[in-house]
Amino acid sequence: MKKLHIICCICIFGIFFSACGNSTIDKYKTSFNNNINSLQNGEVNLHKLTDFEWDKMYTFSAYTSKEEIEQILGLESDVIVNNMSDEGNTYLLFLKDNTIVCSIYGSSDSLGYSINFGTFDKYLCIDYSKECVFSVSGDDNKKILEYQTSN
């Protein structure tokens, strides 16, 4: 009976700490989404949209599997999902010290915005140290961000 009690406590702590990690990711996702939805038409730097620390941002082309993404990133995570849907989805992963700190995934309808990075093969990685500017258009119902520069 004592063994069962110890095992239950370990499981509860594991679930608690696992949930805490994802709640931070969810908090940053909410902040990112709110920042985009409050934009006015014009230009914005990616740094202005993130209220959290990151050193690399990845975006993935449609039909990229979870396994391929894990191989590209060099890490495994439950946060990573298959990007097996059409080209209309946005999928961004922000990393800090090779740990995922924010994950954005969804259709423009579910997110309320779309981000277009242009043409790239499988994935695009942007370092925090680089400029990443978007032109912003659209209205209160849906924002459209178009990737402009990376120096």
N, C-alpha and C. Protein backbone atom coordinates (compact mmCIF):
# COMPACT_ATOMS: atom_id res chain seq x y z
N MET A 1 0.83 -1.20 0.00
CA MET A 1 0.00 0.00 0.00
C MET A 1 0.87 1.26 0.00
N LYS A 2 1.95 1.22 0.79
CA LYS A 2 2.84 2.36 0.84
C LYS A 2 3.51 2.59 -0.52
N LYS A 3 3.88 1.50 -1.19
CA LYS A 3 4.48 1.59 -2.52
C LYS A 3 3.53 2.25 -3.51
N LEU A 4 2.27 1.87 -3.46
CA LEU A 4 1.26 2.44 -4.35
C LEU A 4 1.12 3.94 -4.11
N HIS A 5 1.16 4.34 -2.85
CA HIS A 5 1.04 5.76 -2.48
C HIS A 5 2.23 6.55 -3.06
N ILE A 6 3.42 6.01 -2.96
CA ILE A 6 4.62 6.67 -3.48
C ILE A 6 4.54 6.78 -5.00
N ILE A 7 4.12 5.72 -5.66
CA ILE A 7 4.00 5.74 -7.12
C ILE A 7 2.97 6.77 -7.56
N CYS A 8 1.85 6.85 -6.85
CA CYS A 8 0.83 7.84 -7.19
C CYS A 8 1.36 9.27 -7.03
N CYS A 9 2.12 9.51 -5.96
CA CYS A 9 2.70 10.84 -5.75
C CYS A 9 3.67 11.21 -6.87
N ILE A 10 4.49 10.26 -7.29
CA ILE A 10 5.45 10.51 -8.37
C ILE A 10 4.70 10.84 -9.66
N CYS A 11 3.65 10.09 -9.95
CA CYS A 11 2.85 10.35 -11.16
C CYS A 11 2.21 11.73 -11.12
N ILE A 12 1.67 12.12 -9.98
CA ILE A 12 1.03 13.42 -9.84
C ILE A 12 2.04 14.54 -10.05
N PHE A 13 3.24 14.42 -9.45
CA PHE A 13 4.28 15.43 -9.64
C PHE A 13 4.71 15.49 -11.10
N GLY A 14 4.82 14.35 -11.75
CA GLY A 14 5.20 14.31 -13.17
C GLY A 14 4.19 15.02 -14.04
N ILE A 15 2.92 14.76 -13.80
CA ILE A 15 1.86 15.42 -14.56
C ILE A 15 1.87 16.92 -14.29
N PHE A 16 2.06 17.31 -13.04
CA PHE A 16 2.08 18.72 -12.67
C PHE A 16 3.21 19.46 -13.38
N PHE A 17 4.42 18.92 -13.32
CA PHE A 17 5.56 19.59 -13.95
C PHE A 17 5.45 19.58 -15.47
N SER A 18 4.88 18.54 -16.03
CA SER A 18 4.66 18.50 -17.48
C SER A 18 3.67 19.59 -17.89
N ALA A 19 2.62 19.74 -17.12
CA ALA A 19 1.60 20.75 -17.42
C ALA A 19 2.15 22.16 -17.26
N CYS A 20 3.04 22.36 -16.29
CA CYS A 20 3.63 23.69 -16.10
C CYS A 20 4.43 24.11 -17.31
N GLY A 21 5.17 23.22 -17.91
CA GLY A 21 5.96 23.54 -19.09
C GLY A 21 5.08 23.98 -20.24
N ASN A 22 4.00 23.27 -20.48
CA ASN A 22 3.11 23.62 -21.58
C ASN A 22 2.32 24.88 -21.30
N SER A 23 2.06 25.20 -20.04
CA SER A 23 1.32 26.41 -19.74
C SER A 23 2.14 27.64 -20.10
N THR A 24 3.47 27.56 -19.98
CA THR A 24 4.33 28.67 -20.41
C THR A 24 4.26 28.82 -21.92
N ILE A 25 4.32 27.71 -22.63
CA ILE A 25 4.21 27.74 -24.09
C ILE A 25 2.86 28.34 -24.49
N ASP A 26 1.80 27.93 -23.82
CA ASP A 26 0.46 28.46 -24.11
C ASP A 26 0.38 29.96 -23.81
N LYS A 27 1.01 30.38 -22.72
CA LYS A 27 1.02 31.80 -22.35
C LYS A 27 1.71 32.62 -23.44
N TYR A 28 2.85 32.15 -23.93
CA TYR A 28 3.57 32.86 -24.98
C TYR A 28 2.80 32.85 -26.30
N LYS A 29 2.11 31.75 -26.56
CA LYS A 29 1.29 31.68 -27.78
C LYS A 29 0.17 32.72 -27.72
N THR A 30 -0.49 32.81 -26.58
CA THR A 30 -1.56 33.79 -26.40
C THR A 30 -1.03 35.20 -26.58
N SER A 31 0.12 35.48 -25.99
CA SER A 31 0.73 36.80 -26.10
C SER A 31 1.07 37.13 -27.56
N PHE A 32 1.67 36.17 -28.27
CA PHE A 32 2.01 36.35 -29.67
C PHE A 32 0.75 36.63 -30.50
N ASN A 33 -0.28 35.82 -30.30
CA ASN A 33 -1.54 36.00 -31.04
C ASN A 33 -2.16 37.36 -30.76
N ASN A 34 -2.18 37.78 -29.49
CA ASN A 34 -2.73 39.08 -29.13
C ASN A 34 -1.94 40.21 -29.77
N ASN A 35 -0.62 40.08 -29.79
CA ASN A 35 0.22 41.11 -30.41
C ASN A 35 -0.07 41.24 -31.90
N ILE A 36 -0.24 40.12 -32.57
CA ILE A 36 -0.56 40.17 -34.01
C ILE A 36 -1.94 40.78 -34.23
N ASN A 37 -2.91 40.35 -33.46
CA ASN A 37 -4.28 40.83 -33.67
C ASN A 37 -4.46 42.30 -33.34
N SER A 38 -3.52 42.89 -32.60
CA SER A 38 -3.61 44.31 -32.27
C SER A 38 -2.82 45.19 -33.25
N LEU A 39 -2.20 44.59 -34.25
CA LEU A 39 -1.39 45.34 -35.22
C LEU A 39 -2.25 46.24 -36.11
N GLN A 40 -1.65 47.35 -36.50
CA GLN A 40 -2.21 48.21 -37.53
C GLN A 40 -1.51 47.87 -38.84
N ASN A 41 -2.12 48.17 -39.95
CA ASN A 41 -1.48 47.94 -41.24
C ASN A 41 -0.19 48.75 -41.34
N GLY A 42 0.83 48.16 -41.96
CA GLY A 42 2.13 48.81 -42.08
C GLY A 42 3.22 47.75 -42.05
N GLU A 43 4.25 47.99 -41.25
CA GLU A 43 5.35 47.04 -41.09
C GLU A 43 5.58 46.76 -39.62
N VAL A 44 6.09 45.54 -39.35
CA VAL A 44 6.43 45.18 -37.97
C VAL A 44 7.62 44.23 -38.00
N ASN A 45 8.47 44.38 -37.02
CA ASN A 45 9.60 43.47 -36.83
C ASN A 45 9.14 42.31 -35.94
N LEU A 46 9.58 41.12 -36.27
CA LEU A 46 9.19 39.94 -35.48
C LEU A 46 9.49 40.12 -34.00
N HIS A 47 10.57 40.82 -33.67
CA HIS A 47 10.92 41.04 -32.26
C HIS A 47 9.81 41.75 -31.48
N LYS A 48 9.07 42.61 -32.16
CA LYS A 48 7.99 43.36 -31.51
C LYS A 48 6.78 42.48 -31.19
N LEU A 49 6.71 41.31 -31.81
CA LEU A 49 5.56 40.42 -31.60
C LEU A 49 5.80 39.41 -30.48
N THR A 50 7.04 39.31 -30.03
CA THR A 50 7.39 38.29 -29.04
C THR A 50 7.72 38.93 -27.70
N ASP A 51 6.99 38.55 -26.68
CA ASP A 51 7.22 39.04 -25.32
C ASP A 51 8.01 38.01 -24.51
N PHE A 52 8.81 37.22 -25.20
CA PHE A 52 9.56 36.15 -24.55
C PHE A 52 10.92 36.05 -25.23
N GLU A 53 11.85 35.39 -24.55
CA GLU A 53 13.19 35.23 -25.11
C GLU A 53 13.23 34.03 -26.05
N TRP A 54 13.90 34.23 -27.17
CA TRP A 54 14.11 33.15 -28.13
C TRP A 54 15.39 33.45 -28.90
N ASP A 55 15.99 32.40 -29.46
CA ASP A 55 17.18 32.62 -30.27
C ASP A 55 17.02 32.11 -31.69
N LYS A 56 16.05 31.21 -31.93
CA LYS A 56 15.76 30.73 -33.28
C LYS A 56 14.24 30.55 -33.43
N MET A 57 13.77 30.89 -34.63
CA MET A 57 12.37 30.66 -34.97
C MET A 57 12.37 29.82 -36.24
N TYR A 58 11.59 28.74 -36.22
CA TYR A 58 11.47 27.87 -37.38
C TYR A 58 10.04 27.91 -37.90
N THR A 59 9.91 27.87 -39.20
CA THR A 59 8.62 27.66 -39.83
C THR A 59 8.79 26.51 -40.82
N PHE A 60 7.73 25.73 -41.00
CA PHE A 60 7.82 24.50 -41.78
C PHE A 60 6.81 24.50 -42.91
N SER A 61 7.21 23.92 -44.03
CA SER A 61 6.30 23.82 -45.17
C SER A 61 5.24 22.76 -44.88
N ALA A 62 4.17 22.83 -45.63
CA ALA A 62 3.10 21.84 -45.49
C ALA A 62 3.65 20.44 -45.76
N TYR A 63 3.02 19.48 -45.18
CA TYR A 63 3.34 18.06 -45.35
C TYR A 63 4.72 17.69 -44.79
N THR A 64 5.13 18.38 -43.72
CA THR A 64 6.36 18.02 -43.01
C THR A 64 5.96 17.25 -41.76
N SER A 65 6.46 16.04 -41.62
CA SER A 65 6.06 15.17 -40.50
C SER A 65 6.75 15.57 -39.20
N LYS A 66 6.17 15.14 -38.12
CA LYS A 66 6.74 15.36 -36.79
C LYS A 66 8.17 14.82 -36.74
N GLU A 67 8.39 13.65 -37.31
CA GLU A 67 9.72 13.04 -37.30
C GLU A 67 10.73 13.89 -38.05
N GLU A 68 10.31 14.43 -39.21
CA GLU A 68 11.20 15.31 -39.98
C GLU A 68 11.52 16.58 -39.19
N ILE A 69 10.52 17.14 -38.54
CA ILE A 69 10.73 18.36 -37.74
C ILE A 69 11.68 18.08 -36.59
N GLU A 70 11.49 16.96 -35.90
CA GLU A 70 12.39 16.60 -34.80
C GLU A 70 13.83 16.42 -35.30
N GLN A 71 13.98 15.85 -36.48
CA GLN A 71 15.31 15.67 -37.06
C GLN A 71 15.94 17.04 -37.40
N ILE A 72 15.16 17.93 -37.97
CA ILE A 72 15.65 19.27 -38.30
C ILE A 72 16.09 20.01 -37.05
N LEU A 73 15.27 19.92 -35.99
CA LEU A 73 15.56 20.64 -34.75
C LEU A 73 16.62 19.95 -33.90
N GLY A 74 16.76 18.64 -34.10
CA GLY A 74 17.70 17.88 -33.27
C GLY A 74 17.18 17.64 -31.87
N LEU A 75 15.85 17.58 -31.74
CA LEU A 75 15.24 17.31 -30.43
C LEU A 75 13.88 16.67 -30.61
N GLU A 76 13.44 15.97 -29.58
CA GLU A 76 12.10 15.39 -29.56
C GLU A 76 11.27 16.14 -28.54
N SER A 77 9.99 16.33 -28.85
CA SER A 77 9.10 17.05 -27.95
C SER A 77 7.65 16.70 -28.27
N ASP A 78 6.85 16.63 -27.22
CA ASP A 78 5.41 16.43 -27.39
C ASP A 78 4.74 17.67 -27.99
N VAL A 79 5.43 18.79 -27.93
CA VAL A 79 4.89 20.04 -28.47
C VAL A 79 4.87 20.00 -30.00
N ILE A 80 5.80 19.27 -30.60
CA ILE A 80 5.91 19.19 -32.05
C ILE A 80 4.76 18.35 -32.61
N VAL A 81 4.13 18.84 -33.67
CA VAL A 81 3.02 18.13 -34.29
C VAL A 81 3.32 17.92 -35.77
N ASN A 82 2.62 16.98 -36.37
CA ASN A 82 2.70 16.79 -37.82
C ASN A 82 2.12 18.01 -38.51
N ASN A 83 2.79 18.48 -39.53
CA ASN A 83 2.28 19.58 -40.34
C ASN A 83 1.84 18.99 -41.67
N MET A 84 0.89 18.09 -41.60
CA MET A 84 0.48 17.33 -42.78
C MET A 84 -0.75 17.92 -43.47
N SER A 85 -1.11 19.14 -43.11
CA SER A 85 -2.27 19.76 -43.75
C SER A 85 -1.82 20.68 -44.88
N ASP A 86 -2.76 21.36 -45.46
CA ASP A 86 -2.47 22.14 -46.66
C ASP A 86 -1.61 23.38 -46.37
N GLU A 87 -1.32 24.09 -47.43
CA GLU A 87 -0.44 25.24 -47.37
C GLU A 87 -1.03 26.42 -46.60
N GLY A 88 -2.28 26.35 -46.22
CA GLY A 88 -2.92 27.47 -45.54
C GLY A 88 -2.61 27.58 -44.06
N ASN A 89 -1.89 26.62 -43.50
CA ASN A 89 -1.59 26.65 -42.07
C ASN A 89 -0.30 27.41 -41.78
N THR A 90 -0.26 27.99 -40.59
CA THR A 90 0.94 28.62 -40.06
C THR A 90 1.51 27.68 -39.01
N TYR A 91 2.81 27.41 -39.09
CA TYR A 91 3.47 26.58 -38.08
C TYR A 91 4.81 27.22 -37.73
N LEU A 92 4.88 27.77 -36.53
CA LEU A 92 6.09 28.42 -36.03
C LEU A 92 6.51 27.75 -34.73
N LEU A 93 7.81 27.51 -34.60
CA LEU A 93 8.38 27.05 -33.34
C LEU A 93 9.49 28.02 -32.96
N PHE A 94 9.38 28.60 -31.77
CA PHE A 94 10.42 29.47 -31.23
C PHE A 94 11.22 28.66 -30.22
N LEU A 95 12.55 28.72 -30.34
CA LEU A 95 13.42 27.98 -29.43
C LEU A 95 14.36 28.94 -28.71
N LYS A 96 14.67 28.59 -27.48
CA LYS A 96 15.68 29.27 -26.69
C LYS A 96 16.58 28.20 -26.11
N ASP A 97 17.86 28.24 -26.43
CA ASP A 97 18.83 27.25 -25.95
C ASP A 97 18.36 25.82 -26.27
N ASN A 98 17.87 25.64 -27.49
CA ASN A 98 17.42 24.35 -28.01
C ASN A 98 16.23 23.76 -27.25
N THR A 99 15.42 24.63 -26.65
CA THR A 99 14.19 24.24 -25.98
C THR A 99 13.04 25.04 -26.58
N ILE A 100 11.95 24.38 -26.90
CA ILE A 100 10.79 25.06 -27.46
C ILE A 100 10.14 25.93 -26.39
N VAL A 101 10.01 27.23 -26.68
CA VAL A 101 9.38 28.15 -25.74
C VAL A 101 8.03 28.64 -26.22
N CYS A 102 7.77 28.52 -27.53
CA CYS A 102 6.47 28.93 -28.07
C CYS A 102 6.18 28.15 -29.34
N SER A 103 4.95 27.72 -29.48
CA SER A 103 4.51 26.97 -30.65
C SER A 103 3.22 27.59 -31.17
N ILE A 104 3.23 27.93 -32.44
CA ILE A 104 2.05 28.48 -33.11
C ILE A 104 1.69 27.54 -34.24
N TYR A 105 0.47 27.02 -34.22
CA TYR A 105 0.04 26.11 -35.28
C TYR A 105 -1.45 26.28 -35.51
N GLY A 106 -1.82 26.47 -36.76
CA GLY A 106 -3.23 26.53 -37.07
C GLY A 106 -3.51 27.17 -38.42
N SER A 107 -4.75 27.09 -38.81
CA SER A 107 -5.19 27.71 -40.06
C SER A 107 -5.41 29.20 -39.81
N SER A 108 -5.45 29.97 -40.88
CA SER A 108 -5.68 31.40 -40.73
C SER A 108 -7.06 31.66 -40.11
N ASP A 109 -8.02 30.79 -40.38
CA ASP A 109 -9.35 30.95 -39.78
C ASP A 109 -9.31 30.75 -38.27
N SER A 110 -8.57 29.76 -37.80
CA SER A 110 -8.54 29.50 -36.36
C SER A 110 -7.65 30.50 -35.62
N LEU A 111 -6.57 30.97 -36.28
CA LEU A 111 -5.66 31.92 -35.63
C LEU A 111 -6.14 33.36 -35.74
N GLY A 112 -6.86 33.68 -36.80
CA GLY A 112 -7.26 35.06 -37.05
C GLY A 112 -6.20 35.83 -37.83
N TYR A 113 -5.19 35.14 -38.31
CA TYR A 113 -4.14 35.75 -39.12
C TYR A 113 -3.45 34.69 -39.95
N SER A 114 -2.71 35.16 -40.96
CA SER A 114 -1.85 34.26 -41.73
C SER A 114 -0.48 34.91 -41.84
N ILE A 115 0.54 34.08 -41.87
CA ILE A 115 1.91 34.56 -42.02
C ILE A 115 2.50 33.86 -43.24
N ASN A 116 2.93 34.67 -44.20
CA ASN A 116 3.48 34.13 -45.44
C ASN A 116 4.98 34.42 -45.49
N PHE A 117 5.79 33.37 -45.50
CA PHE A 117 7.24 33.51 -45.57
C PHE A 117 7.77 33.34 -46.99
N GLY A 118 6.89 33.25 -47.96
CA GLY A 118 7.34 33.05 -49.34
C GLY A 118 7.71 31.60 -49.57
N THR A 119 8.56 31.38 -50.56
CA THR A 119 8.93 30.03 -50.96
C THR A 119 10.21 29.59 -50.25
N PHE A 120 10.17 28.40 -49.68
CA PHE A 120 11.35 27.79 -49.08
C PHE A 120 11.16 26.29 -49.11
N ASP A 121 12.25 25.56 -48.93
CA ASP A 121 12.22 24.11 -49.00
C ASP A 121 12.19 23.51 -47.60
N LYS A 122 11.13 22.87 -47.22
CA LYS A 122 10.91 22.15 -45.94
C LYS A 122 10.81 23.07 -44.74
N TYR A 123 11.85 23.91 -44.51
CA TYR A 123 11.80 24.78 -43.34
C TYR A 123 12.61 26.05 -43.58
N LEU A 124 12.32 27.04 -42.75
CA LEU A 124 13.07 28.28 -42.75
C LEU A 124 13.42 28.57 -41.29
N CYS A 125 14.67 28.90 -41.03
CA CYS A 125 15.12 29.22 -39.68
C CYS A 125 15.58 30.67 -39.65
N ILE A 126 15.08 31.43 -38.67
CA ILE A 126 15.47 32.83 -38.50
C ILE A 126 16.10 32.98 -37.13
N ASP A 127 17.34 33.49 -37.10
CA ASP A 127 18.02 33.78 -35.84
C ASP A 127 17.50 35.09 -35.26
N TYR A 128 17.45 35.16 -33.94
CA TYR A 128 16.99 36.37 -33.27
C TYR A 128 17.84 37.57 -33.67
N SER A 129 19.13 37.33 -33.92
CA SER A 129 20.05 38.43 -34.25
C SER A 129 19.76 39.06 -35.61
N LYS A 130 18.95 38.43 -36.44
CA LYS A 130 18.63 38.93 -37.77
C LYS A 130 17.34 39.75 -37.75
N GLU A 131 17.30 40.72 -38.63
CA GLU A 131 16.07 41.48 -38.81
C GLU A 131 15.05 40.60 -39.52
N CYS A 132 13.82 40.65 -39.09
CA CYS A 132 12.74 39.90 -39.73
C CYS A 132 11.53 40.82 -39.75
N VAL A 133 11.30 41.41 -40.91
CA VAL A 133 10.26 42.42 -41.05
C VAL A 133 9.11 41.87 -41.88
N PHE A 134 7.90 42.18 -41.46
CA PHE A 134 6.69 41.77 -42.16
C PHE A 134 5.89 43.01 -42.56
N SER A 135 5.28 42.95 -43.74
CA SER A 135 4.25 43.95 -44.05
C SER A 135 2.95 43.40 -43.49
N VAL A 136 2.15 44.28 -42.94
CA VAL A 136 0.90 43.90 -42.29
C VAL A 136 -0.26 44.53 -43.05
N SER A 137 -1.24 43.69 -43.39
CA SER A 137 -2.46 44.18 -44.02
C SER A 137 -3.63 43.40 -43.43
N GLY A 138 -4.80 43.70 -43.91
CA GLY A 138 -5.99 43.02 -43.41
C GLY A 138 -6.83 43.92 -42.54
N ASP A 139 -7.76 43.29 -41.83
CA ASP A 139 -8.66 44.04 -40.96
C ASP A 139 -8.72 43.37 -39.60
N ASP A 140 -9.68 43.80 -38.78
CA ASP A 140 -9.80 43.25 -37.43
C ASP A 140 -10.15 41.76 -37.43
N ASN A 141 -10.76 41.27 -38.51
CA ASN A 141 -11.13 39.86 -38.56
C ASN A 141 -9.97 38.94 -38.94
N LYS A 142 -9.06 39.44 -39.79
CA LYS A 142 -7.93 38.62 -40.20
C LYS A 142 -6.76 39.49 -40.64
N LYS A 143 -5.64 39.31 -39.98
CA LYS A 143 -4.41 40.01 -40.35
C LYS A 143 -3.61 39.13 -41.31
N ILE A 144 -2.90 39.77 -42.23
CA ILE A 144 -2.03 39.07 -43.17
C ILE A 144 -0.63 39.65 -43.01
N LEU A 145 0.32 38.79 -42.65
CA LEU A 145 1.71 39.21 -42.52
C LEU A 145 2.52 38.59 -43.64
N GLU A 146 3.23 39.43 -44.38
CA GLU A 146 4.07 38.99 -45.50
C GLU A 146 5.53 39.27 -45.14
N TYR A 147 6.34 38.22 -45.17
CA TYR A 147 7.76 38.31 -44.86
C TYR A 147 8.46 39.21 -45.86
N GLN A 148 9.25 40.19 -45.34
CA GLN A 148 9.91 41.16 -46.21
C GLN A 148 11.43 40.98 -46.28
N THR A 149 12.08 40.94 -45.14
CA THR A 149 13.53 40.94 -45.14
C THR A 149 14.12 40.04 -44.07
N SER A 150 15.34 39.68 -44.27
CA SER A 150 16.16 39.01 -43.28
C SER A 150 17.60 39.34 -43.60
N ASN A 151 18.22 40.18 -42.75
CA ASN A 151 19.61 40.59 -43.01
C ASN A 151 20.57 39.82 -42.14
